[in-house]
Amino acid sequence: MVLVVEDDPAINQALSDRLVAEGFQVVRAFDGPGAVAAHEAHAPDVVVLDVMLPGFDGLEVCRRIQATRPVPVLMVTARDSETDVLIGLGVGADDYVAKPFRMREVVARVQALLRRVERSREAAAAVAVTVGGLSIEPRTRQVLVAGSAVHLTPLEFDLLVALATEPGVVRSHEELMREVWGWSEASGTRTLASHVKALRAKIGAHRVRTVHGVGYALVVAA
């Protein structure tokens, strides 16, 4: 089930109709309080969430729903500056699209988020990894930096695990997008870069190396 949160009735209807046509069940909300109530009542699998909403905005919606029952969130924003995107990722959004968007892109990203949830469940059986002062425990999804716990969003954790599978090896943008998000379109590189920046802020910028035009690597000796 997908919860569509958009205050513009025409856009809300168009998104909902397209998702239904793709085989999804859809619940609709048009403001902040309605979105939180719909999340509590229907327990959706994915939320498509506009940032600019009456009542309270999508960032506050994301904070509240992630605090009660974490769920993949695709944010829809007319403000796609780096600062706005990082704020959205910081409150628990997994991905974002900027208006105006293509309906097929929204559908593809919703499908990718659902696939990522399934891969995360499978990854829970993986063994713990220690590299460069980082301790990563997939079963509890806990990360320690120099012995101190840090809080990562679900997608930040999955990105770190993907980098830690081959410490020191440069993972390409395409590999990471495919492995973590489930798709590898060029339009996703900004999403990847934003998540890498957020991850660096939490584990230390020196722990993730950028190879411009290629990808990223987890530094072995940090």
N, C-alpha and C. Protein backbone atom coordinates (compact mmCIF):
# COMPACT_ATOMS: atom_id res chain seq x y z
N MET A 1 0.84 -1.20 0.00
CA MET A 1 0.00 0.00 0.00
C MET A 1 0.88 1.25 0.00
N VAL A 2 0.47 2.25 -0.78
CA VAL A 2 1.20 3.51 -0.87
C VAL A 2 0.33 4.63 -0.31
N LEU A 3 0.91 5.42 0.58
CA LEU A 3 0.24 6.62 1.07
C LEU A 3 0.75 7.80 0.24
N VAL A 4 -0.16 8.47 -0.46
CA VAL A 4 0.17 9.64 -1.26
C VAL A 4 -0.26 10.88 -0.50
N VAL A 5 0.71 11.75 -0.20
CA VAL A 5 0.43 12.97 0.56
C VAL A 5 0.79 14.16 -0.31
N GLU A 6 -0.22 14.87 -0.79
CA GLU A 6 -0.04 16.00 -1.70
C GLU A 6 -1.25 16.92 -1.57
N ASP A 7 -1.02 18.21 -1.32
CA ASP A 7 -2.15 19.11 -1.07
C ASP A 7 -2.83 19.58 -2.35
N ASP A 8 -2.16 19.46 -3.50
CA ASP A 8 -2.79 19.83 -4.76
C ASP A 8 -3.69 18.67 -5.21
N PRO A 9 -5.01 18.87 -5.24
CA PRO A 9 -5.92 17.76 -5.56
C PRO A 9 -5.63 17.11 -6.91
N ALA A 10 -5.28 17.93 -7.92
CA ALA A 10 -5.04 17.38 -9.26
C ALA A 10 -3.81 16.48 -9.27
N ILE A 11 -2.72 16.94 -8.63
CA ILE A 11 -1.50 16.13 -8.58
C ILE A 11 -1.72 14.88 -7.74
N ASN A 12 -2.40 15.03 -6.62
CA ASN A 12 -2.71 13.89 -5.75
C ASN A 12 -3.49 12.83 -6.53
N GLN A 13 -4.50 13.28 -7.27
CA GLN A 13 -5.33 12.34 -8.04
C GLN A 13 -4.52 11.67 -9.13
N ALA A 14 -3.69 12.45 -9.84
CA ALA A 14 -2.90 11.88 -10.94
C ALA A 14 -1.90 10.84 -10.43
N LEU A 15 -1.23 11.16 -9.31
CA LEU A 15 -0.29 10.21 -8.72
C LEU A 15 -1.01 8.93 -8.28
N SER A 16 -2.14 9.12 -7.61
CA SER A 16 -2.88 7.97 -7.10
C SER A 16 -3.38 7.09 -8.24
N ASP A 17 -3.90 7.72 -9.29
CA ASP A 17 -4.42 6.96 -10.43
C ASP A 17 -3.30 6.15 -11.10
N ARG A 18 -2.12 6.76 -11.24
CA ARG A 18 -1.02 6.05 -11.89
C ARG A 18 -0.56 4.87 -11.03
N LEU A 19 -0.47 5.07 -9.72
CA LEU A 19 -0.04 3.98 -8.84
C LEU A 19 -1.06 2.85 -8.81
N VAL A 20 -2.33 3.20 -8.82
CA VAL A 20 -3.37 2.17 -8.88
C VAL A 20 -3.26 1.39 -10.18
N ALA A 21 -3.02 2.11 -11.28
CA ALA A 21 -2.87 1.45 -12.58
C ALA A 21 -1.69 0.49 -12.60
N GLU A 22 -0.67 0.77 -11.75
CA GLU A 22 0.50 -0.09 -11.67
C GLU A 22 0.31 -1.24 -10.68
N GLY A 23 -0.87 -1.33 -10.08
CA GLY A 23 -1.18 -2.45 -9.21
C GLY A 23 -1.09 -2.19 -7.72
N PHE A 24 -0.86 -0.94 -7.32
CA PHE A 24 -0.75 -0.61 -5.91
C PHE A 24 -2.11 -0.23 -5.32
N GLN A 25 -2.27 -0.55 -4.05
CA GLN A 25 -3.36 0.05 -3.28
C GLN A 25 -2.90 1.42 -2.81
N VAL A 26 -3.79 2.39 -2.80
CA VAL A 26 -3.41 3.76 -2.48
C VAL A 26 -4.34 4.35 -1.43
N VAL A 27 -3.74 5.05 -0.47
CA VAL A 27 -4.46 5.87 0.49
C VAL A 27 -4.00 7.30 0.28
N ARG A 28 -4.91 8.27 0.38
CA ARG A 28 -4.58 9.65 0.07
C ARG A 28 -4.71 10.54 1.30
N ALA A 29 -3.85 11.56 1.36
CA ALA A 29 -3.94 12.60 2.39
C ALA A 29 -3.53 13.92 1.75
N PHE A 30 -4.00 15.03 2.35
CA PHE A 30 -3.82 16.33 1.72
C PHE A 30 -3.16 17.36 2.62
N ASP A 31 -2.87 16.99 3.87
CA ASP A 31 -2.19 17.92 4.77
C ASP A 31 -1.38 17.13 5.79
N GLY A 32 -0.60 17.86 6.62
CA GLY A 32 0.27 17.20 7.58
C GLY A 32 -0.45 16.31 8.58
N PRO A 33 -1.45 16.86 9.30
CA PRO A 33 -2.17 16.02 10.27
C PRO A 33 -2.84 14.81 9.62
N GLY A 34 -3.41 15.01 8.43
CA GLY A 34 -4.07 13.90 7.74
C GLY A 34 -3.09 12.81 7.34
N ALA A 35 -1.86 13.21 7.00
CA ALA A 35 -0.84 12.24 6.62
C ALA A 35 -0.45 11.37 7.80
N VAL A 36 -0.23 12.00 8.96
CA VAL A 36 0.15 11.24 10.16
C VAL A 36 -0.98 10.30 10.56
N ALA A 37 -2.23 10.78 10.50
CA ALA A 37 -3.38 9.94 10.85
C ALA A 37 -3.52 8.76 9.89
N ALA A 38 -3.31 9.01 8.59
CA ALA A 38 -3.41 7.94 7.60
C ALA A 38 -2.31 6.90 7.79
N HIS A 39 -1.12 7.35 8.15
CA HIS A 39 -0.02 6.43 8.42
C HIS A 39 -0.35 5.54 9.60
N GLU A 40 -0.91 6.12 10.65
CA GLU A 40 -1.27 5.33 11.83
C GLU A 40 -2.40 4.35 11.53
N ALA A 41 -3.36 4.76 10.71
CA ALA A 41 -4.54 3.93 10.45
C ALA A 41 -4.28 2.81 9.46
N HIS A 42 -3.40 3.05 8.47
CA HIS A 42 -3.27 2.11 7.36
C HIS A 42 -1.92 1.40 7.27
N ALA A 43 -0.92 1.87 8.02
CA ALA A 43 0.42 1.25 8.01
C ALA A 43 0.90 0.99 6.58
N PRO A 44 1.08 2.04 5.77
CA PRO A 44 1.48 1.84 4.38
C PRO A 44 2.89 1.26 4.26
N ASP A 45 3.17 0.69 3.10
CA ASP A 45 4.50 0.14 2.83
C ASP A 45 5.47 1.22 2.35
N VAL A 46 4.94 2.25 1.70
CA VAL A 46 5.74 3.36 1.19
C VAL A 46 4.90 4.64 1.31
N VAL A 47 5.58 5.77 1.55
CA VAL A 47 4.90 7.06 1.58
C VAL A 47 5.51 7.96 0.50
N VAL A 48 4.65 8.51 -0.36
CA VAL A 48 5.06 9.54 -1.32
C VAL A 48 4.61 10.86 -0.71
N LEU A 49 5.56 11.70 -0.34
CA LEU A 49 5.28 12.81 0.57
C LEU A 49 5.75 14.15 0.00
N ASP A 50 4.80 15.05 -0.23
CA ASP A 50 5.14 16.41 -0.65
C ASP A 50 5.71 17.17 0.54
N VAL A 51 6.67 18.05 0.28
CA VAL A 51 7.28 18.82 1.37
C VAL A 51 6.37 19.96 1.82
N MET A 52 5.80 20.70 0.88
CA MET A 52 4.98 21.86 1.21
C MET A 52 3.54 21.44 1.44
N LEU A 53 3.12 21.41 2.71
CA LEU A 53 1.78 20.96 3.07
C LEU A 53 1.15 21.94 4.06
N PRO A 54 -0.16 22.08 4.05
CA PRO A 54 -0.83 22.84 5.11
C PRO A 54 -0.86 22.05 6.41
N GLY A 55 -1.11 22.72 7.50
CA GLY A 55 -1.13 22.07 8.82
C GLY A 55 0.25 22.08 9.41
N PHE A 56 1.10 21.16 8.94
CA PHE A 56 2.55 21.21 9.14
C PHE A 56 3.19 20.52 7.94
N ASP A 57 4.44 20.85 7.68
CA ASP A 57 5.04 20.45 6.41
C ASP A 57 5.47 18.98 6.38
N GLY A 58 5.93 18.57 5.20
CA GLY A 58 6.31 17.18 5.00
C GLY A 58 7.48 16.75 5.85
N LEU A 59 8.38 17.68 6.18
CA LEU A 59 9.51 17.34 7.04
C LEU A 59 9.01 16.92 8.43
N GLU A 60 8.04 17.65 8.94
CA GLU A 60 7.48 17.29 10.25
C GLU A 60 6.70 15.98 10.16
N VAL A 61 5.98 15.79 9.06
CA VAL A 61 5.30 14.50 8.85
C VAL A 61 6.31 13.37 8.90
N CYS A 62 7.42 13.53 8.20
CA CYS A 62 8.44 12.49 8.15
C CYS A 62 9.00 12.21 9.54
N ARG A 63 9.29 13.26 10.29
CA ARG A 63 9.80 13.07 11.66
C ARG A 63 8.82 12.23 12.49
N ARG A 64 7.55 12.58 12.41
CA ARG A 64 6.55 11.92 13.26
C ARG A 64 6.32 10.47 12.87
N ILE A 65 6.22 10.19 11.57
CA ILE A 65 5.94 8.81 11.19
C ILE A 65 7.16 7.92 11.38
N GLN A 66 8.36 8.46 11.18
CA GLN A 66 9.55 7.64 11.39
C GLN A 66 9.79 7.35 12.87
N ALA A 67 9.27 8.21 13.73
CA ALA A 67 9.42 7.99 15.17
C ALA A 67 8.48 6.91 15.69
N THR A 68 7.38 6.65 14.96
CA THR A 68 6.40 5.67 15.44
C THR A 68 6.53 4.31 14.74
N ARG A 69 6.61 4.34 13.41
CA ARG A 69 6.77 3.09 12.64
C ARG A 69 7.53 3.41 11.37
N PRO A 70 8.84 3.18 11.37
CA PRO A 70 9.65 3.54 10.20
C PRO A 70 9.11 2.95 8.91
N VAL A 71 9.14 3.75 7.86
CA VAL A 71 8.60 3.36 6.56
C VAL A 71 9.41 4.09 5.49
N PRO A 72 9.64 3.46 4.33
CA PRO A 72 10.33 4.16 3.24
C PRO A 72 9.54 5.39 2.79
N VAL A 73 10.24 6.51 2.62
CA VAL A 73 9.59 7.77 2.24
C VAL A 73 10.27 8.33 0.98
N LEU A 74 9.45 8.60 -0.02
CA LEU A 74 9.89 9.31 -1.22
C LEU A 74 9.36 10.73 -1.12
N MET A 75 10.25 11.69 -0.95
CA MET A 75 9.83 13.08 -0.83
C MET A 75 9.69 13.73 -2.20
N VAL A 76 8.65 14.53 -2.33
CA VAL A 76 8.42 15.30 -3.55
C VAL A 76 8.58 16.76 -3.18
N THR A 77 9.51 17.44 -3.85
CA THR A 77 9.80 18.80 -3.44
C THR A 77 9.97 19.74 -4.62
N ALA A 78 9.51 20.96 -4.43
CA ALA A 78 9.78 22.02 -5.41
C ALA A 78 11.07 22.73 -5.07
N ARG A 79 11.62 22.41 -3.89
CA ARG A 79 12.86 23.04 -3.42
C ARG A 79 13.93 21.96 -3.38
N ASP A 80 14.72 21.85 -4.43
CA ASP A 80 15.69 20.77 -4.50
C ASP A 80 17.12 21.26 -4.28
N SER A 81 17.27 22.35 -3.50
CA SER A 81 18.63 22.77 -3.15
C SER A 81 19.25 21.72 -2.25
N GLU A 82 20.58 21.70 -2.21
CA GLU A 82 21.30 20.69 -1.43
C GLU A 82 20.89 20.74 0.04
N THR A 83 20.73 21.95 0.58
CA THR A 83 20.36 22.08 2.00
C THR A 83 19.00 21.47 2.27
N ASP A 84 18.02 21.77 1.40
CA ASP A 84 16.68 21.22 1.60
C ASP A 84 16.68 19.70 1.50
N VAL A 85 17.45 19.18 0.55
CA VAL A 85 17.51 17.72 0.38
C VAL A 85 18.14 17.07 1.61
N LEU A 86 19.23 17.64 2.12
CA LEU A 86 19.89 17.06 3.29
C LEU A 86 18.98 17.12 4.52
N ILE A 87 18.20 18.18 4.65
CA ILE A 87 17.24 18.25 5.77
C ILE A 87 16.24 17.11 5.65
N GLY A 88 15.73 16.89 4.44
CA GLY A 88 14.78 15.80 4.23
C GLY A 88 15.37 14.45 4.55
N LEU A 89 16.59 14.21 4.08
CA LEU A 89 17.24 12.93 4.38
C LEU A 89 17.51 12.79 5.87
N GLY A 90 17.80 13.91 6.53
CA GLY A 90 18.10 13.87 7.96
C GLY A 90 16.92 13.49 8.82
N VAL A 91 15.71 13.75 8.34
CA VAL A 91 14.53 13.39 9.14
C VAL A 91 13.96 12.04 8.72
N GLY A 92 14.66 11.33 7.82
CA GLY A 92 14.28 9.96 7.54
C GLY A 92 13.77 9.67 6.15
N ALA A 93 13.80 10.66 5.23
CA ALA A 93 13.41 10.37 3.86
C ALA A 93 14.47 9.48 3.20
N ASP A 94 14.02 8.61 2.30
CA ASP A 94 14.93 7.68 1.63
C ASP A 94 15.37 8.19 0.25
N ASP A 95 14.50 8.93 -0.39
CA ASP A 95 14.78 9.40 -1.75
C ASP A 95 13.91 10.62 -1.99
N TYR A 96 14.17 11.32 -3.10
CA TYR A 96 13.36 12.48 -3.41
C TYR A 96 13.29 12.68 -4.91
N VAL A 97 12.22 13.32 -5.35
CA VAL A 97 12.09 13.78 -6.73
C VAL A 97 11.68 15.25 -6.67
N ALA A 98 12.15 15.99 -7.66
CA ALA A 98 11.83 17.42 -7.72
C ALA A 98 10.70 17.66 -8.71
N LYS A 99 9.82 18.60 -8.36
CA LYS A 99 8.78 19.01 -9.30
C LYS A 99 9.39 19.92 -10.36
N PRO A 100 8.91 19.82 -11.60
CA PRO A 100 7.92 18.87 -12.10
C PRO A 100 8.56 17.50 -12.32
N PHE A 101 7.83 16.44 -12.08
CA PHE A 101 8.38 15.09 -12.20
C PHE A 101 7.59 14.29 -13.22
N ARG A 102 8.19 13.19 -13.66
CA ARG A 102 7.52 12.26 -14.56
C ARG A 102 6.86 11.17 -13.72
N MET A 103 5.64 10.83 -14.04
CA MET A 103 4.92 9.81 -13.28
C MET A 103 5.68 8.48 -13.27
N ARG A 104 6.27 8.13 -14.40
CA ARG A 104 6.95 6.84 -14.46
C ARG A 104 8.17 6.83 -13.54
N GLU A 105 8.78 8.01 -13.32
CA GLU A 105 9.93 8.07 -12.42
C GLU A 105 9.49 7.84 -10.98
N VAL A 106 8.35 8.43 -10.60
CA VAL A 106 7.83 8.21 -9.25
C VAL A 106 7.52 6.73 -9.04
N VAL A 107 6.87 6.12 -10.00
CA VAL A 107 6.53 4.70 -9.90
C VAL A 107 7.80 3.85 -9.77
N ALA A 108 8.81 4.16 -10.58
CA ALA A 108 10.06 3.39 -10.55
C ALA A 108 10.73 3.52 -9.19
N ARG A 109 10.69 4.70 -8.61
CA ARG A 109 11.35 4.90 -7.32
C ARG A 109 10.56 4.24 -6.19
N VAL A 110 9.25 4.24 -6.27
CA VAL A 110 8.44 3.52 -5.29
C VAL A 110 8.76 2.03 -5.35
N GLN A 111 8.80 1.48 -6.55
CA GLN A 111 9.13 0.06 -6.70
C GLN A 111 10.53 -0.24 -6.17
N ALA A 112 11.47 0.66 -6.42
CA ALA A 112 12.84 0.46 -5.94
C ALA A 112 12.90 0.49 -4.42
N LEU A 113 12.14 1.37 -3.79
CA LEU A 113 12.13 1.43 -2.32
C LEU A 113 11.58 0.14 -1.73
N LEU A 114 10.57 -0.44 -2.36
CA LEU A 114 10.02 -1.70 -1.87
C LEU A 114 11.04 -2.83 -2.02
N ARG A 115 11.77 -2.84 -3.14
CA ARG A 115 12.82 -3.86 -3.31
C ARG A 115 13.92 -3.69 -2.27
N ARG A 116 14.24 -2.44 -1.93
CA ARG A 116 15.29 -2.19 -0.95
C ARG A 116 14.90 -2.74 0.42
N VAL A 117 13.63 -2.63 0.78
CA VAL A 117 13.16 -3.16 2.05
C VAL A 117 13.39 -4.66 2.10
N GLU A 118 13.08 -5.35 1.00
CA GLU A 118 13.29 -6.80 0.96
C GLU A 118 14.77 -7.15 1.06
N ARG A 119 15.62 -6.39 0.37
CA ARG A 119 17.06 -6.66 0.45
C ARG A 119 17.60 -6.40 1.85
N SER A 120 17.06 -5.40 2.53
CA SER A 120 17.50 -5.10 3.89
C SER A 120 17.17 -6.25 4.83
N ARG A 121 16.03 -6.87 4.63
CA ARG A 121 15.66 -8.01 5.47
C ARG A 121 16.61 -9.17 5.24
N GLU A 122 16.97 -9.39 3.97
CA GLU A 122 17.91 -10.47 3.66
C GLU A 122 19.29 -10.17 4.23
N ALA A 123 19.69 -8.90 4.21
CA ALA A 123 21.02 -8.52 4.69
C ALA A 123 21.16 -8.66 6.19
N ALA A 124 20.04 -8.75 6.89
CA ALA A 124 20.09 -8.86 8.35
C ALA A 124 20.82 -10.13 8.80
N ALA A 125 20.94 -11.10 7.89
CA ALA A 125 21.63 -12.34 8.23
C ALA A 125 23.15 -12.24 8.03
N ALA A 126 23.62 -11.11 7.51
CA ALA A 126 25.04 -10.95 7.24
C ALA A 126 25.84 -10.86 8.54
N VAL A 127 27.13 -11.13 8.44
CA VAL A 127 27.99 -11.09 9.63
C VAL A 127 28.45 -9.66 9.88
N ALA A 128 28.87 -9.41 11.12
CA ALA A 128 29.34 -8.09 11.51
C ALA A 128 30.65 -7.77 10.79
N VAL A 129 30.88 -6.47 10.56
CA VAL A 129 32.08 -6.00 9.86
C VAL A 129 32.75 -4.94 10.72
N THR A 130 34.07 -5.00 10.81
CA THR A 130 34.85 -3.96 11.47
C THR A 130 35.92 -3.48 10.50
N VAL A 131 35.91 -2.18 10.22
CA VAL A 131 36.87 -1.62 9.28
C VAL A 131 37.10 -0.15 9.58
N GLY A 132 38.36 0.26 9.62
CA GLY A 132 38.70 1.66 9.79
C GLY A 132 38.10 2.32 11.01
N GLY A 133 38.03 1.59 12.12
CA GLY A 133 37.44 2.16 13.32
C GLY A 133 35.93 2.09 13.38
N LEU A 134 35.32 1.50 12.35
CA LEU A 134 33.87 1.32 12.30
C LEU A 134 33.50 -0.11 12.64
N SER A 135 32.45 -0.28 13.43
CA SER A 135 31.89 -1.60 13.69
C SER A 135 30.45 -1.59 13.20
N ILE A 136 30.14 -2.51 12.30
CA ILE A 136 28.81 -2.55 11.67
C ILE A 136 28.17 -3.89 11.98
N GLU A 137 27.00 -3.85 12.62
CA GLU A 137 26.29 -5.07 12.99
C GLU A 137 24.96 -5.12 12.22
N PRO A 138 24.90 -5.91 11.13
CA PRO A 138 23.69 -5.94 10.31
C PRO A 138 22.45 -6.43 11.04
N ARG A 139 22.61 -7.38 11.97
CA ARG A 139 21.43 -7.95 12.64
C ARG A 139 20.71 -6.93 13.50
N THR A 140 21.45 -6.08 14.16
CA THR A 140 20.83 -5.04 15.00
C THR A 140 20.84 -3.68 14.33
N ARG A 141 21.46 -3.61 13.13
CA ARG A 141 21.59 -2.36 12.38
C ARG A 141 22.23 -1.27 13.25
N GLN A 142 23.24 -1.67 13.97
CA GLN A 142 23.96 -0.75 14.85
C GLN A 142 25.34 -0.44 14.27
N VAL A 143 25.75 0.81 14.41
CA VAL A 143 27.07 1.23 13.94
C VAL A 143 27.78 1.93 15.08
N LEU A 144 29.03 1.53 15.31
CA LEU A 144 29.88 2.17 16.31
C LEU A 144 31.04 2.85 15.61
N VAL A 145 31.33 4.08 15.98
CA VAL A 145 32.48 4.82 15.48
C VAL A 145 33.41 5.04 16.65
N ALA A 146 34.56 4.41 16.61
CA ALA A 146 35.52 4.49 17.71
C ALA A 146 34.85 4.12 19.04
N GLY A 147 33.97 3.13 19.01
CA GLY A 147 33.31 2.64 20.20
C GLY A 147 32.04 3.35 20.59
N SER A 148 31.71 4.44 19.91
CA SER A 148 30.50 5.21 20.25
C SER A 148 29.43 4.97 19.19
N ALA A 149 28.19 4.73 19.64
CA ALA A 149 27.09 4.47 18.72
C ALA A 149 26.70 5.73 17.96
N VAL A 150 26.42 5.57 16.68
CA VAL A 150 25.89 6.67 15.87
C VAL A 150 24.57 6.23 15.26
N HIS A 151 23.66 7.17 15.11
CA HIS A 151 22.34 6.85 14.54
C HIS A 151 22.35 7.12 13.05
N LEU A 152 22.10 6.09 12.26
CA LEU A 152 21.97 6.24 10.81
C LEU A 152 20.53 5.95 10.40
N THR A 153 20.06 6.65 9.38
CA THR A 153 18.76 6.30 8.82
C THR A 153 18.89 4.94 8.15
N PRO A 154 17.77 4.25 7.89
CA PRO A 154 17.85 2.94 7.24
C PRO A 154 18.64 2.96 5.93
N LEU A 155 18.46 4.01 5.12
CA LEU A 155 19.17 4.03 3.85
C LEU A 155 20.64 4.37 4.02
N GLU A 156 20.97 5.24 4.97
CA GLU A 156 22.39 5.50 5.27
C GLU A 156 23.08 4.22 5.71
N PHE A 157 22.40 3.42 6.52
CA PHE A 157 22.98 2.16 6.97
C PHE A 157 23.22 1.22 5.79
N ASP A 158 22.24 1.10 4.91
CA ASP A 158 22.39 0.22 3.75
C ASP A 158 23.52 0.69 2.84
N LEU A 159 23.68 1.99 2.71
CA LEU A 159 24.78 2.53 1.90
C LEU A 159 26.12 2.19 2.53
N LEU A 160 26.23 2.34 3.85
CA LEU A 160 27.47 2.01 4.54
C LEU A 160 27.80 0.53 4.39
N VAL A 161 26.81 -0.32 4.52
CA VAL A 161 27.03 -1.76 4.36
C VAL A 161 27.52 -2.07 2.94
N ALA A 162 26.93 -1.41 1.94
CA ALA A 162 27.36 -1.63 0.56
C ALA A 162 28.82 -1.25 0.37
N LEU A 163 29.24 -0.14 0.96
CA LEU A 163 30.64 0.27 0.86
C LEU A 163 31.55 -0.69 1.64
N ALA A 164 31.04 -1.20 2.77
CA ALA A 164 31.85 -2.06 3.64
C ALA A 164 31.99 -3.48 3.11
N THR A 165 31.20 -3.86 2.12
CA THR A 165 31.35 -5.21 1.56
C THR A 165 32.69 -5.37 0.86
N GLU A 166 33.26 -4.26 0.36
CA GLU A 166 34.57 -4.28 -0.28
C GLU A 166 35.37 -3.07 0.21
N PRO A 167 35.85 -3.10 1.45
CA PRO A 167 36.57 -1.94 1.99
C PRO A 167 37.77 -1.57 1.13
N GLY A 168 37.93 -0.27 0.87
CA GLY A 168 39.04 0.21 0.08
C GLY A 168 38.82 0.16 -1.41
N VAL A 169 37.83 -0.60 -1.85
CA VAL A 169 37.54 -0.73 -3.28
C VAL A 169 36.54 0.35 -3.69
N VAL A 170 36.80 1.00 -4.80
CA VAL A 170 35.89 2.04 -5.29
C VAL A 170 34.64 1.39 -5.87
N ARG A 171 33.50 1.70 -5.28
CA ARG A 171 32.21 1.23 -5.80
C ARG A 171 31.65 2.32 -6.69
N SER A 172 31.29 1.98 -7.91
CA SER A 172 30.82 2.98 -8.86
C SER A 172 29.45 3.51 -8.46
N HIS A 173 29.12 4.70 -9.00
CA HIS A 173 27.80 5.27 -8.76
C HIS A 173 26.71 4.26 -9.17
N GLU A 174 26.88 3.64 -10.32
CA GLU A 174 25.87 2.71 -10.82
C GLU A 174 25.72 1.51 -9.90
N GLU A 175 26.84 0.96 -9.43
CA GLU A 175 26.79 -0.20 -8.53
C GLU A 175 26.03 0.15 -7.26
N LEU A 176 26.36 1.30 -6.67
CA LEU A 176 25.74 1.68 -5.42
C LEU A 176 24.25 1.98 -5.60
N MET A 177 23.90 2.67 -6.67
CA MET A 177 22.48 2.95 -6.90
C MET A 177 21.71 1.64 -7.11
N ARG A 178 22.30 0.72 -7.84
CA ARG A 178 21.62 -0.55 -8.10
C ARG A 178 21.51 -1.38 -6.83
N GLU A 179 22.58 -1.42 -6.04
CA GLU A 179 22.61 -2.27 -4.85
C GLU A 179 21.78 -1.70 -3.71
N VAL A 180 21.82 -0.38 -3.51
CA VAL A 180 21.15 0.23 -2.37
C VAL A 180 19.74 0.68 -2.70
N TRP A 181 19.57 1.28 -3.88
CA TRP A 181 18.25 1.80 -4.25
C TRP A 181 17.47 0.86 -5.16
N GLY A 182 18.18 -0.03 -5.84
CA GLY A 182 17.50 -0.95 -6.73
C GLY A 182 17.34 -0.44 -8.15
N TRP A 183 17.99 0.66 -8.49
CA TRP A 183 17.96 1.18 -9.85
C TRP A 183 19.23 1.99 -10.07
N SER A 184 19.58 2.26 -11.33
CA SER A 184 20.87 2.88 -11.60
C SER A 184 20.80 3.97 -12.65
N GLU A 185 19.66 4.66 -12.75
CA GLU A 185 19.54 5.74 -13.72
C GLU A 185 20.46 6.89 -13.33
N ALA A 186 20.95 7.60 -14.33
CA ALA A 186 21.87 8.71 -14.09
C ALA A 186 21.25 9.79 -13.22
N SER A 187 19.93 9.92 -13.27
CA SER A 187 19.26 10.97 -12.49
C SER A 187 19.34 10.71 -10.99
N GLY A 188 19.82 9.53 -10.60
CA GLY A 188 19.90 9.21 -9.18
C GLY A 188 21.21 9.62 -8.53
N THR A 189 22.17 10.14 -9.31
CA THR A 189 23.47 10.44 -8.72
C THR A 189 23.40 11.54 -7.67
N ARG A 190 22.48 12.49 -7.81
CA ARG A 190 22.33 13.53 -6.79
C ARG A 190 21.82 12.94 -5.49
N THR A 191 20.90 11.99 -5.60
CA THR A 191 20.41 11.30 -4.41
C THR A 191 21.57 10.60 -3.70
N LEU A 192 22.39 9.89 -4.46
CA LEU A 192 23.54 9.19 -3.89
C LEU A 192 24.49 10.17 -3.23
N ALA A 193 24.83 11.25 -3.92
CA ALA A 193 25.77 12.23 -3.37
C ALA A 193 25.24 12.85 -2.08
N SER A 194 23.95 13.10 -2.02
CA SER A 194 23.36 13.68 -0.82
C SER A 194 23.44 12.72 0.36
N HIS A 195 23.20 11.44 0.09
CA HIS A 195 23.29 10.45 1.16
C HIS A 195 24.73 10.24 1.62
N VAL A 196 25.68 10.28 0.68
CA VAL A 196 27.08 10.16 1.06
C VAL A 196 27.47 11.33 1.97
N LYS A 197 27.03 12.54 1.62
CA LYS A 197 27.34 13.71 2.44
C LYS A 197 26.76 13.57 3.84
N ALA A 198 25.51 13.09 3.93
CA ALA A 198 24.88 12.89 5.24
C ALA A 198 25.61 11.81 6.04
N LEU A 199 26.03 10.74 5.35
CA LEU A 199 26.75 9.65 6.02
C LEU A 199 28.09 10.15 6.54
N ARG A 200 28.81 10.92 5.74
CA ARG A 200 30.09 11.47 6.19
C ARG A 200 29.94 12.33 7.43
N ALA A 201 28.87 13.10 7.49
CA ALA A 201 28.66 13.98 8.64
C ALA A 201 28.52 13.18 9.93
N LYS A 202 28.10 11.92 9.82
CA LYS A 202 27.86 11.11 11.01
C LYS A 202 29.04 10.20 11.36
N ILE A 203 29.74 9.69 10.35
CA ILE A 203 30.83 8.75 10.66
C ILE A 203 32.22 9.37 10.48
N GLY A 204 32.26 10.58 9.94
CA GLY A 204 33.55 11.23 9.69
C GLY A 204 33.82 11.33 8.20
N ALA A 205 34.03 12.55 7.72
CA ALA A 205 34.20 12.77 6.28
C ALA A 205 35.39 11.99 5.72
N HIS A 206 36.43 11.79 6.54
CA HIS A 206 37.64 11.12 6.06
C HIS A 206 37.45 9.63 5.82
N ARG A 207 36.32 9.08 6.27
CA ARG A 207 36.12 7.63 6.15
C ARG A 207 35.56 7.21 4.78
N VAL A 208 35.06 8.16 4.00
CA VAL A 208 34.54 7.83 2.67
C VAL A 208 35.29 8.64 1.63
N ARG A 209 35.97 7.95 0.74
CA ARG A 209 36.78 8.61 -0.29
C ARG A 209 35.98 8.75 -1.57
N THR A 210 36.07 9.94 -2.18
CA THR A 210 35.41 10.20 -3.46
C THR A 210 36.41 10.04 -4.60
N VAL A 211 36.02 9.30 -5.61
CA VAL A 211 36.78 9.26 -6.86
C VAL A 211 35.88 9.92 -7.90
N HIS A 212 36.19 11.17 -8.22
CA HIS A 212 35.30 11.97 -9.05
C HIS A 212 35.03 11.31 -10.40
N GLY A 213 33.75 11.28 -10.74
CA GLY A 213 33.34 10.68 -11.98
C GLY A 213 33.23 9.18 -11.96
N VAL A 214 33.61 8.56 -10.83
CA VAL A 214 33.57 7.10 -10.74
C VAL A 214 32.66 6.64 -9.60
N GLY A 215 33.02 6.98 -8.35
CA GLY A 215 32.21 6.50 -7.23
C GLY A 215 32.85 6.79 -5.90
N TYR A 216 32.67 5.89 -4.93
CA TYR A 216 33.11 6.09 -3.55
C TYR A 216 33.72 4.80 -3.01
N ALA A 217 34.59 5.00 -2.00
CA ALA A 217 35.21 3.85 -1.34
C ALA A 217 35.26 4.11 0.16
N LEU A 218 35.08 3.05 0.95
CA LEU A 218 35.24 3.14 2.39
C LEU A 218 36.73 3.02 2.71
N VAL A 219 37.26 3.99 3.44
CA VAL A 219 38.68 4.02 3.76
C VAL A 219 39.00 2.94 4.78
N VAL A 220 39.99 2.13 4.50
CA VAL A 220 40.33 1.00 5.37
C VAL A 220 40.99 1.47 6.65
N ALA A 221 41.96 2.36 6.58
CA ALA A 221 42.65 2.85 7.76
C ALA A 221 42.26 4.30 7.97
N ALA A 222 41.28 4.50 8.88
CA ALA A 222 40.78 5.86 9.11
C ALA A 222 41.33 6.42 10.40
